[in-house]
Structure formats: structure tokens, C-alpha cells
Amino acid sequence: NTSMEVTDVPKTRSSSLRSTSTLSYTPHDQQDFGTMMCWAMNELGQQEKPCYFQIVPAGVPEGVSNCSVSLNNSAIGGSVEVECESGWGGGIRQSFTLEVHSVSSGSSLAQLQQQDEPYFTISGLTPGAEYKLLVYAENSQGRSRPSSFLLHTPTDVAERQTSANVVST
């Protein structure tokens, strides 16, 4: 059911095995998106109210938000954990990427990818250095705008225990 028309899906697109029915449906143009309504029927009768599925076009995912950066306090060469909240995935599966760039040299140092959750652990950063961190979501439709942060790594254990020195940009 779309705003333009109501169309029956041919029974040839469905299959049944025991108590499970499957419908294969692929939208091909804008009129193929809308509400899919399904009714079940068996020897006892037909389902009174249909199941509803909203078929929407896939899009580019939203960017991540509410990112937090925490330093591992164990040693100078410790690790940094970056955790963000994911936004709308564009209607399809998304993955997440963290890029680490050196502010002093401008070079890209690392690119970490994660499926499902925007959670990263970075190790081996130089103490007393400044890094730009970029986090973005990506799916088959494209890439979100990155969230960026400046990270100042502490120079010693005492500094590590008192401040993460993270600035959002």
C-alpha cells in the first residue's frame, strides 16, 4: 500500500514450510515503497488483523554522537578507549570507523573498523602528543559526517590519572 496505489504481491513470491511463510520482495522504484500488509490463513481460518511492515528506501547513516574517550591508567604506553552512540543506520546494516591522525605531522596513523557498535581501543600512542580522532558510520549507501575530537596524551602516569584532555571539534 503506497500513497499512489494498493497492489497485491503475487503468490509466486512466497513460500511456506511447515509453520513458516517467507515473502521475497524487492522494491524497484519509488512506488514500491510503503506499507506491506500480510495475512495468514490456515485450516482454522484467516487472520483478522494483518501484520504491518514499513518498506522504506535505504539511506546514508546518521553520524555518531555522545562520544567519550577514556585513558587506561596502567602505564605511559597505555590504551585509549573511544565509545560513541550510533545514530539511525539508514535502514540497513552499518559499520563504524575510527581514524587516528597526528596533529603535528598531519599524517594518518591508524584506521580501525568495527561492525555493529562504535567502540574502539587504540594503543601505542606517543605520550605528550596531540591526535585528531575521527569517528564515522558507513553503510552500502555512503558515509556519515565524522565526529572529530582532539586528544592530548599525557606525558606521565600522574597526568594520566588526572585528566583525559579531550576536546570535541
N, C-alpha and C. Protein backbone atom coordinates (compact mmCIF):
# COMPACT_ATOMS: atom_id res chain seq x y z
N ASN A 1 0.85 -1.17 0.00
CA ASN A 1 0.00 0.00 0.00
C ASN A 1 0.90 1.24 0.00
N THR A 2 0.79 2.06 -1.04
CA THR A 2 1.51 3.33 -1.09
C THR A 2 0.49 4.44 -1.20
N SER A 3 0.95 5.66 -1.23
CA SER A 3 0.02 6.77 -1.38
C SER A 3 -0.58 6.79 -2.79
N MET A 4 0.05 6.08 -3.71
CA MET A 4 -0.41 6.07 -5.10
C MET A 4 -1.36 4.91 -5.40
N GLU A 5 -1.13 3.73 -4.79
CA GLU A 5 -1.92 2.57 -5.17
C GLU A 5 -1.80 1.46 -4.14
N VAL A 6 -2.69 0.48 -4.26
CA VAL A 6 -2.62 -0.76 -3.50
C VAL A 6 -2.40 -1.88 -4.50
N THR A 7 -1.38 -2.70 -4.26
CA THR A 7 -1.02 -3.76 -5.19
C THR A 7 -0.89 -5.07 -4.43
N ASP A 8 -1.44 -6.14 -5.00
CA ASP A 8 -1.25 -7.48 -4.43
C ASP A 8 0.09 -8.03 -4.91
N VAL A 9 0.82 -8.66 -4.00
CA VAL A 9 2.08 -9.30 -4.36
C VAL A 9 1.73 -10.71 -4.83
N PRO A 10 2.22 -11.14 -5.99
CA PRO A 10 1.89 -12.48 -6.50
C PRO A 10 2.31 -13.59 -5.53
N LYS A 11 1.50 -14.64 -5.44
CA LYS A 11 1.81 -15.77 -4.55
C LYS A 11 3.10 -16.48 -4.95
N THR A 12 3.55 -16.29 -6.17
CA THR A 12 4.80 -16.92 -6.61
C THR A 12 6.00 -16.34 -5.88
N ARG A 13 5.86 -15.20 -5.25
CA ARG A 13 6.96 -14.60 -4.48
C ARG A 13 7.02 -15.12 -3.04
N SER A 14 6.12 -16.00 -2.68
CA SER A 14 6.11 -16.52 -1.31
C SER A 14 6.32 -18.02 -1.31
N SER A 15 6.77 -18.51 -0.17
CA SER A 15 6.94 -19.94 0.01
C SER A 15 6.57 -20.28 1.45
N SER A 16 6.15 -21.52 1.67
CA SER A 16 5.77 -21.97 3.01
C SER A 16 6.43 -23.29 3.30
N LEU A 17 6.89 -23.42 4.53
CA LEU A 17 7.47 -24.67 5.01
C LEU A 17 7.01 -24.86 6.45
N ARG A 18 6.18 -25.84 6.68
CA ARG A 18 5.57 -26.11 7.98
C ARG A 18 4.81 -24.88 8.45
N SER A 19 5.24 -24.28 9.57
CA SER A 19 4.51 -23.13 10.11
C SER A 19 5.17 -21.80 9.76
N THR A 20 6.06 -21.79 8.79
CA THR A 20 6.76 -20.56 8.42
C THR A 20 6.51 -20.22 6.96
N SER A 21 6.14 -18.97 6.72
CA SER A 21 5.97 -18.48 5.35
C SER A 21 6.98 -17.38 5.11
N THR A 22 7.51 -17.32 3.90
CA THR A 22 8.50 -16.31 3.54
C THR A 22 8.05 -15.60 2.27
N LEU A 23 8.16 -14.29 2.27
CA LEU A 23 7.83 -13.48 1.10
C LEU A 23 9.10 -12.79 0.63
N SER A 24 9.43 -12.94 -0.64
CA SER A 24 10.57 -12.23 -1.22
C SER A 24 10.04 -11.00 -1.93
N TYR A 25 10.53 -9.85 -1.51
CA TYR A 25 10.03 -8.60 -2.09
C TYR A 25 11.20 -7.63 -2.24
N THR A 26 11.42 -7.16 -3.44
CA THR A 26 12.48 -6.19 -3.71
C THR A 26 11.87 -4.98 -4.40
N PRO A 27 11.91 -3.82 -3.75
CA PRO A 27 11.40 -2.61 -4.42
C PRO A 27 12.32 -2.21 -5.58
N HIS A 28 11.71 -1.80 -6.68
CA HIS A 28 12.49 -1.41 -7.85
C HIS A 28 12.39 0.07 -8.17
N ASP A 29 11.34 0.73 -7.74
CA ASP A 29 11.22 2.18 -7.96
C ASP A 29 10.48 2.79 -6.78
N GLN A 30 10.32 4.09 -6.77
CA GLN A 30 9.78 4.83 -5.63
C GLN A 30 8.37 4.35 -5.26
N GLN A 31 7.58 3.91 -6.23
CA GLN A 31 6.22 3.47 -5.94
C GLN A 31 6.19 2.12 -5.22
N ASP A 32 7.30 1.42 -5.16
CA ASP A 32 7.35 0.12 -4.49
C ASP A 32 7.57 0.22 -2.98
N PHE A 33 7.77 1.44 -2.47
CA PHE A 33 7.95 1.63 -1.02
C PHE A 33 6.61 1.99 -0.41
N GLY A 34 6.43 1.62 0.84
CA GLY A 34 5.17 1.90 1.53
C GLY A 34 4.94 0.88 2.62
N THR A 35 3.69 0.55 2.88
CA THR A 35 3.33 -0.39 3.93
C THR A 35 3.02 -1.75 3.33
N MET A 36 3.69 -2.77 3.82
CA MET A 36 3.42 -4.15 3.41
C MET A 36 2.50 -4.74 4.48
N MET A 37 1.35 -5.26 4.04
CA MET A 37 0.41 -5.89 4.97
C MET A 37 0.33 -7.38 4.64
N CYS A 38 0.41 -8.21 5.66
CA CYS A 38 0.40 -9.66 5.47
C CYS A 38 -0.68 -10.29 6.33
N TRP A 39 -1.41 -11.24 5.74
CA TRP A 39 -2.41 -12.02 6.46
C TRP A 39 -2.03 -13.48 6.38
N ALA A 40 -2.24 -14.20 7.46
CA ALA A 40 -2.01 -15.64 7.46
C ALA A 40 -3.36 -16.34 7.32
N MET A 41 -3.30 -17.53 6.73
CA MET A 41 -4.52 -18.32 6.58
C MET A 41 -4.14 -19.80 6.71
N ASN A 42 -4.97 -20.53 7.43
CA ASN A 42 -4.79 -21.97 7.53
C ASN A 42 -6.16 -22.63 7.62
N GLU A 43 -6.18 -23.91 8.01
CA GLU A 43 -7.46 -24.63 8.04
C GLU A 43 -8.44 -24.08 9.08
N LEU A 44 -7.96 -23.28 10.02
CA LEU A 44 -8.84 -22.68 11.03
C LEU A 44 -9.42 -21.34 10.59
N GLY A 45 -8.89 -20.77 9.54
CA GLY A 45 -9.43 -19.50 9.05
C GLY A 45 -8.34 -18.51 8.72
N GLN A 46 -8.77 -17.25 8.48
CA GLN A 46 -7.84 -16.18 8.11
C GLN A 46 -7.60 -15.26 9.30
N GLN A 47 -6.40 -14.77 9.42
CA GLN A 47 -6.01 -13.81 10.45
C GLN A 47 -6.90 -12.57 10.30
N GLU A 48 -7.44 -12.06 11.41
CA GLU A 48 -8.35 -10.92 11.35
C GLU A 48 -7.62 -9.60 11.05
N LYS A 49 -6.52 -9.34 11.75
CA LYS A 49 -5.78 -8.10 11.55
C LYS A 49 -4.42 -8.43 10.94
N PRO A 50 -4.01 -7.68 9.93
CA PRO A 50 -2.74 -8.01 9.27
C PRO A 50 -1.53 -7.58 10.08
N CYS A 51 -0.39 -8.15 9.75
CA CYS A 51 0.91 -7.68 10.23
C CYS A 51 1.33 -6.55 9.29
N TYR A 52 1.96 -5.53 9.82
CA TYR A 52 2.39 -4.38 9.02
C TYR A 52 3.90 -4.28 9.01
N PHE A 53 4.46 -4.04 7.84
CA PHE A 53 5.89 -3.80 7.68
C PHE A 53 6.05 -2.54 6.85
N GLN A 54 6.84 -1.61 7.33
CA GLN A 54 7.10 -0.38 6.59
C GLN A 54 8.33 -0.59 5.72
N ILE A 55 8.17 -0.48 4.40
CA ILE A 55 9.27 -0.63 3.46
C ILE A 55 9.74 0.78 3.08
N VAL A 56 10.97 1.10 3.49
CA VAL A 56 11.50 2.44 3.25
C VAL A 56 12.81 2.34 2.48
N PRO A 57 13.11 3.35 1.66
CA PRO A 57 14.39 3.30 0.94
C PRO A 57 15.56 3.46 1.91
N ALA A 58 16.64 2.75 1.63
CA ALA A 58 17.84 2.84 2.45
C ALA A 58 18.50 4.20 2.22
N GLY A 59 19.21 4.68 3.24
CA GLY A 59 19.89 5.95 3.12
C GLY A 59 21.25 5.92 3.81
N VAL A 60 21.94 7.01 3.72
CA VAL A 60 23.23 7.17 4.38
C VAL A 60 22.99 7.21 5.89
N PRO A 61 23.81 6.56 6.71
CA PRO A 61 23.58 6.58 8.15
C PRO A 61 23.83 7.95 8.76
N GLU A 62 23.22 8.16 9.91
CA GLU A 62 23.50 9.37 10.70
C GLU A 62 24.86 9.22 11.35
N GLY A 63 25.45 10.32 11.71
CA GLY A 63 26.72 10.29 12.42
C GLY A 63 26.57 9.81 13.84
N VAL A 64 27.67 9.46 14.46
CA VAL A 64 27.67 9.04 15.86
C VAL A 64 27.54 10.28 16.75
N SER A 65 27.17 10.06 18.01
CA SER A 65 27.02 11.17 18.96
C SER A 65 27.49 10.73 20.34
N ASN A 66 27.55 11.68 21.25
CA ASN A 66 27.90 11.42 22.66
C ASN A 66 29.13 10.54 22.81
N CYS A 67 30.17 10.88 22.09
CA CYS A 67 31.40 10.10 22.17
C CYS A 67 32.14 10.41 23.47
N SER A 68 32.73 9.39 24.05
CA SER A 68 33.57 9.57 25.23
C SER A 68 34.91 8.90 24.98
N VAL A 69 35.94 9.50 25.53
CA VAL A 69 37.30 8.99 25.38
C VAL A 69 37.85 8.78 26.78
N SER A 70 38.39 7.59 27.04
CA SER A 70 38.98 7.33 28.35
C SER A 70 40.35 6.72 28.17
N LEU A 71 41.25 7.08 29.08
CA LEU A 71 42.62 6.59 29.05
C LEU A 71 42.79 5.46 30.04
N ASN A 72 43.55 4.44 29.65
CA ASN A 72 43.91 3.35 30.54
C ASN A 72 45.01 3.88 31.47
N ASN A 73 44.79 3.84 32.77
CA ASN A 73 45.72 4.43 33.74
C ASN A 73 46.92 3.57 34.09
N SER A 74 47.06 2.41 33.49
CA SER A 74 48.07 1.48 33.95
C SER A 74 49.50 1.88 33.66
N ALA A 75 49.74 2.55 32.53
CA ALA A 75 51.13 2.87 32.17
C ALA A 75 51.15 3.98 31.13
N ILE A 76 52.33 4.56 30.93
CA ILE A 76 52.50 5.63 29.94
C ILE A 76 52.08 5.15 28.55
N GLY A 77 52.44 3.97 28.18
CA GLY A 77 52.10 3.44 26.86
C GLY A 77 50.75 2.75 26.84
N GLY A 78 49.85 3.17 27.70
CA GLY A 78 48.54 2.52 27.83
C GLY A 78 47.67 2.70 26.60
N SER A 79 46.42 2.36 26.77
CA SER A 79 45.49 2.41 25.65
C SER A 79 44.43 3.50 25.86
N VAL A 80 43.78 3.84 24.77
CA VAL A 80 42.71 4.82 24.77
C VAL A 80 41.46 4.11 24.27
N GLU A 81 40.36 4.29 24.98
CA GLU A 81 39.09 3.71 24.55
C GLU A 81 38.17 4.82 24.09
N VAL A 82 37.56 4.64 22.92
CA VAL A 82 36.61 5.59 22.36
C VAL A 82 35.29 4.86 22.22
N GLU A 83 34.24 5.44 22.80
CA GLU A 83 32.91 4.83 22.72
C GLU A 83 31.91 5.92 22.35
N CYS A 84 31.06 5.63 21.36
CA CYS A 84 30.06 6.59 20.88
C CYS A 84 28.70 5.91 20.83
N GLU A 85 27.66 6.72 20.69
CA GLU A 85 26.32 6.21 20.45
C GLU A 85 26.06 6.26 18.95
N SER A 86 25.52 5.18 18.41
CA SER A 86 25.23 5.16 16.98
C SER A 86 23.90 5.85 16.72
N GLY A 87 23.79 6.44 15.54
CA GLY A 87 22.54 7.05 15.11
C GLY A 87 21.77 6.08 14.22
N TRP A 88 20.78 6.60 13.51
CA TRP A 88 19.99 5.79 12.60
C TRP A 88 20.91 5.21 11.53
N GLY A 89 20.80 3.93 11.26
CA GLY A 89 21.70 3.24 10.35
C GLY A 89 21.35 3.34 8.89
N GLY A 90 20.36 4.15 8.52
CA GLY A 90 19.99 4.27 7.13
C GLY A 90 19.06 3.15 6.67
N GLY A 91 18.57 2.34 7.62
CA GLY A 91 17.67 1.26 7.28
C GLY A 91 18.37 -0.04 6.93
N ILE A 92 19.70 -0.03 6.95
CA ILE A 92 20.48 -1.24 6.64
C ILE A 92 21.65 -1.34 7.61
N ARG A 93 22.35 -2.46 7.57
CA ARG A 93 23.47 -2.69 8.49
C ARG A 93 24.57 -1.65 8.26
N GLN A 94 25.11 -1.15 9.35
CA GLN A 94 26.18 -0.16 9.27
C GLN A 94 27.41 -0.65 10.01
N SER A 95 28.55 -0.08 9.66
CA SER A 95 29.80 -0.33 10.37
C SER A 95 30.36 1.01 10.79
N PHE A 96 31.38 0.99 11.63
CA PHE A 96 31.94 2.21 12.19
C PHE A 96 33.45 2.24 12.01
N THR A 97 33.98 3.43 11.78
CA THR A 97 35.42 3.59 11.56
C THR A 97 35.95 4.69 12.46
N LEU A 98 37.13 4.45 13.02
CA LEU A 98 37.87 5.45 13.78
C LEU A 98 39.18 5.69 13.04
N GLU A 99 39.45 6.94 12.71
CA GLU A 99 40.72 7.32 12.11
C GLU A 99 41.52 8.10 13.14
N VAL A 100 42.81 7.81 13.23
CA VAL A 100 43.72 8.50 14.14
C VAL A 100 44.74 9.25 13.30
N HIS A 101 44.82 10.57 13.50
CA HIS A 101 45.74 11.43 12.76
C HIS A 101 46.65 12.17 13.74
N SER A 102 47.92 12.27 13.40
CA SER A 102 48.86 13.05 14.19
C SER A 102 48.67 14.52 13.83
N VAL A 103 48.46 15.37 14.84
CA VAL A 103 48.27 16.80 14.58
C VAL A 103 49.58 17.43 14.14
N SER A 104 50.71 17.03 14.75
CA SER A 104 52.00 17.65 14.42
C SER A 104 52.47 17.34 13.00
N SER A 105 52.29 16.10 12.57
CA SER A 105 52.77 15.73 11.23
C SER A 105 51.67 15.76 10.17
N GLY A 106 50.40 15.73 10.63
CA GLY A 106 49.29 15.71 9.69
C GLY A 106 49.07 14.35 9.05
N SER A 107 49.83 13.35 9.45
CA SER A 107 49.72 12.03 8.82
C SER A 107 48.65 11.18 9.50
N SER A 108 48.09 10.27 8.73
CA SER A 108 47.12 9.31 9.24
C SER A 108 47.89 8.14 9.84
N LEU A 109 47.60 7.80 11.10
CA LEU A 109 48.35 6.76 11.80
C LEU A 109 47.62 5.43 11.85
N ALA A 110 46.30 5.47 11.91
CA ALA A 110 45.55 4.22 12.03
C ALA A 110 44.12 4.41 11.56
N GLN A 111 43.54 3.31 11.14
CA GLN A 111 42.13 3.28 10.78
C GLN A 111 41.57 1.96 11.31
N LEU A 112 40.69 2.06 12.31
CA LEU A 112 40.11 0.88 12.93
C LEU A 112 38.65 0.78 12.52
N GLN A 113 38.20 -0.42 12.18
CA GLN A 113 36.81 -0.62 11.79
C GLN A 113 36.14 -1.60 12.73
N GLN A 114 34.85 -1.34 13.00
CA GLN A 114 34.05 -2.20 13.86
C GLN A 114 32.70 -2.45 13.21
N GLN A 115 32.20 -3.63 13.35
CA GLN A 115 30.83 -3.93 12.96
C GLN A 115 29.94 -3.70 14.17
N ASP A 116 28.73 -3.34 13.95
CA ASP A 116 27.68 -3.28 14.96
C ASP A 116 27.77 -2.13 15.97
N GLU A 117 28.90 -1.92 16.63
CA GLU A 117 28.99 -0.91 17.70
C GLU A 117 30.18 0.03 17.51
N PRO A 118 30.00 1.33 17.77
CA PRO A 118 31.12 2.26 17.68
C PRO A 118 31.95 2.29 18.97
N TYR A 119 32.74 1.24 19.17
CA TYR A 119 33.60 1.10 20.34
C TYR A 119 34.98 0.68 19.86
N PHE A 120 36.00 1.45 20.24
CA PHE A 120 37.35 1.22 19.74
C PHE A 120 38.36 1.28 20.88
N THR A 121 39.44 0.52 20.76
CA THR A 121 40.58 0.60 21.67
C THR A 121 41.82 0.88 20.84
N ILE A 122 42.54 1.95 21.20
CA ILE A 122 43.75 2.36 20.49
C ILE A 122 44.92 2.20 21.45
N SER A 123 46.01 1.62 20.98
CA SER A 123 47.21 1.53 21.81
C SER A 123 48.42 1.99 21.00
N GLY A 124 49.51 2.25 21.72
CA GLY A 124 50.75 2.63 21.06
C GLY A 124 50.86 4.11 20.71
N LEU A 125 50.02 4.96 21.30
CA LEU A 125 50.13 6.40 21.04
C LEU A 125 51.30 6.98 21.82
N THR A 126 51.93 7.98 21.27
CA THR A 126 53.09 8.61 21.89
C THR A 126 52.65 9.51 23.04
N PRO A 127 53.29 9.38 24.22
CA PRO A 127 52.96 10.27 25.34
C PRO A 127 53.29 11.72 25.01
N GLY A 128 52.46 12.64 25.47
CA GLY A 128 52.68 14.06 25.25
C GLY A 128 52.41 14.52 23.83
N ALA A 129 51.67 13.76 23.07
CA ALA A 129 51.37 14.11 21.68
C ALA A 129 49.90 14.49 21.54
N GLU A 130 49.59 15.14 20.42
CA GLU A 130 48.21 15.54 20.14
C GLU A 130 47.73 14.79 18.89
N TYR A 131 46.52 14.24 18.99
CA TYR A 131 45.95 13.46 17.90
C TYR A 131 44.56 13.97 17.58
N LYS A 132 44.20 13.86 16.33
CA LYS A 132 42.83 14.16 15.91
C LYS A 132 42.17 12.82 15.63
N LEU A 133 41.04 12.57 16.29
CA LEU A 133 40.29 11.33 16.11
C LEU A 133 39.02 11.64 15.33
N LEU A 134 38.73 10.84 14.31
CA LEU A 134 37.52 10.97 13.51
C LEU A 134 36.74 9.66 13.61
N VAL A 135 35.46 9.74 13.93
CA VAL A 135 34.61 8.57 14.02
C VAL A 135 33.42 8.77 13.08
N TYR A 136 33.16 7.79 12.22
CA TYR A 136 32.00 7.90 11.33
C TYR A 136 31.35 6.53 11.12
N ALA A 137 30.09 6.59 10.69
CA ALA A 137 29.32 5.39 10.36
C ALA A 137 29.28 5.25 8.85
N GLU A 138 29.15 4.01 8.38
CA GLU A 138 29.13 3.76 6.94
C GLU A 138 28.23 2.57 6.65
N ASN A 139 27.50 2.66 5.54
CA ASN A 139 26.75 1.51 5.03
C ASN A 139 26.89 1.49 3.51
N SER A 140 26.17 0.62 2.84
CA SER A 140 26.32 0.49 1.39
C SER A 140 25.83 1.72 0.63
N GLN A 141 25.13 2.64 1.31
CA GLN A 141 24.63 3.86 0.67
C GLN A 141 25.59 5.04 0.82
N GLY A 142 26.57 4.92 1.73
CA GLY A 142 27.52 6.02 1.90
C GLY A 142 28.03 6.13 3.33
N ARG A 143 28.62 7.27 3.61
CA ARG A 143 29.29 7.51 4.88
C ARG A 143 28.72 8.75 5.55
N SER A 144 28.58 8.71 6.88
CA SER A 144 28.08 9.86 7.63
C SER A 144 29.16 10.93 7.76
N ARG A 145 28.76 12.09 8.22
CA ARG A 145 29.74 13.12 8.57
C ARG A 145 30.50 12.62 9.80
N PRO A 146 31.80 12.85 9.85
CA PRO A 146 32.56 12.35 11.01
C PRO A 146 32.37 13.23 12.24
N SER A 147 32.45 12.60 13.40
CA SER A 147 32.59 13.33 14.66
C SER A 147 34.08 13.39 14.92
N SER A 148 34.60 14.57 15.26
CA SER A 148 36.04 14.68 15.44
C SER A 148 36.38 15.19 16.84
N PHE A 149 37.53 14.75 17.34
CA PHE A 149 38.00 15.09 18.68
C PHE A 149 39.49 15.30 18.65
N LEU A 150 39.97 16.19 19.50
CA LEU A 150 41.41 16.32 19.72
C LEU A 150 41.74 15.59 21.01
N LEU A 151 42.76 14.78 20.96
CA LEU A 151 43.20 14.02 22.13
C LEU A 151 44.63 14.40 22.44
N HIS A 152 44.87 14.82 23.68
CA HIS A 152 46.23 15.13 24.15
C HIS A 152 46.62 13.98 25.08
N THR A 153 47.60 13.18 24.67
CA THR A 153 48.02 12.07 25.53
C THR A 153 48.90 12.62 26.65
N PRO A 154 48.76 12.11 27.86
CA PRO A 154 49.55 12.60 28.99
C PRO A 154 51.02 12.19 28.86
N THR A 155 51.87 12.95 29.55
CA THR A 155 53.31 12.68 29.47
C THR A 155 53.79 11.73 30.55
N ASP A 156 53.03 11.58 31.65
CA ASP A 156 53.45 10.67 32.70
C ASP A 156 52.24 10.06 33.39
N VAL A 157 52.48 9.11 34.29
CA VAL A 157 51.40 8.39 34.96
C VAL A 157 50.55 9.34 35.79
N ALA A 158 51.14 10.31 36.50
CA ALA A 158 50.37 11.24 37.33
C ALA A 158 49.40 12.05 36.48
N GLU A 159 49.86 12.54 35.33
CA GLU A 159 48.98 13.29 34.45
C GLU A 159 47.88 12.39 33.89
N ARG A 160 48.22 11.15 33.60
CA ARG A 160 47.26 10.19 33.07
C ARG A 160 46.11 9.96 34.05
N GLN A 161 46.43 9.99 35.34
CA GLN A 161 45.40 9.71 36.34
C GLN A 161 44.51 10.90 36.62
N THR A 162 44.87 12.11 36.15
CA THR A 162 44.07 13.28 36.49
C THR A 162 43.25 13.84 35.34
N SER A 163 43.62 13.58 34.09
CA SER A 163 42.89 14.22 33.01
C SER A 163 43.02 13.45 31.70
N ALA A 164 41.90 13.40 30.97
CA ALA A 164 41.92 12.77 29.64
C ALA A 164 42.23 13.79 28.56
N ASN A 165 42.07 15.07 28.84
CA ASN A 165 42.38 16.15 27.89
C ASN A 165 41.77 15.91 26.50
N VAL A 166 40.47 15.79 26.45
CA VAL A 166 39.79 15.57 25.17
C VAL A 166 38.97 16.82 24.82
N VAL A 167 39.10 17.28 23.59
CA VAL A 167 38.36 18.44 23.12
C VAL A 167 37.59 18.06 21.87
N SER A 168 36.28 18.27 21.87
CA SER A 168 35.47 17.98 20.69
C SER A 168 35.55 19.14 19.72
N THR A 169 35.68 18.82 18.41
CA THR A 169 35.77 19.87 17.39
C THR A 169 34.67 19.72 16.38
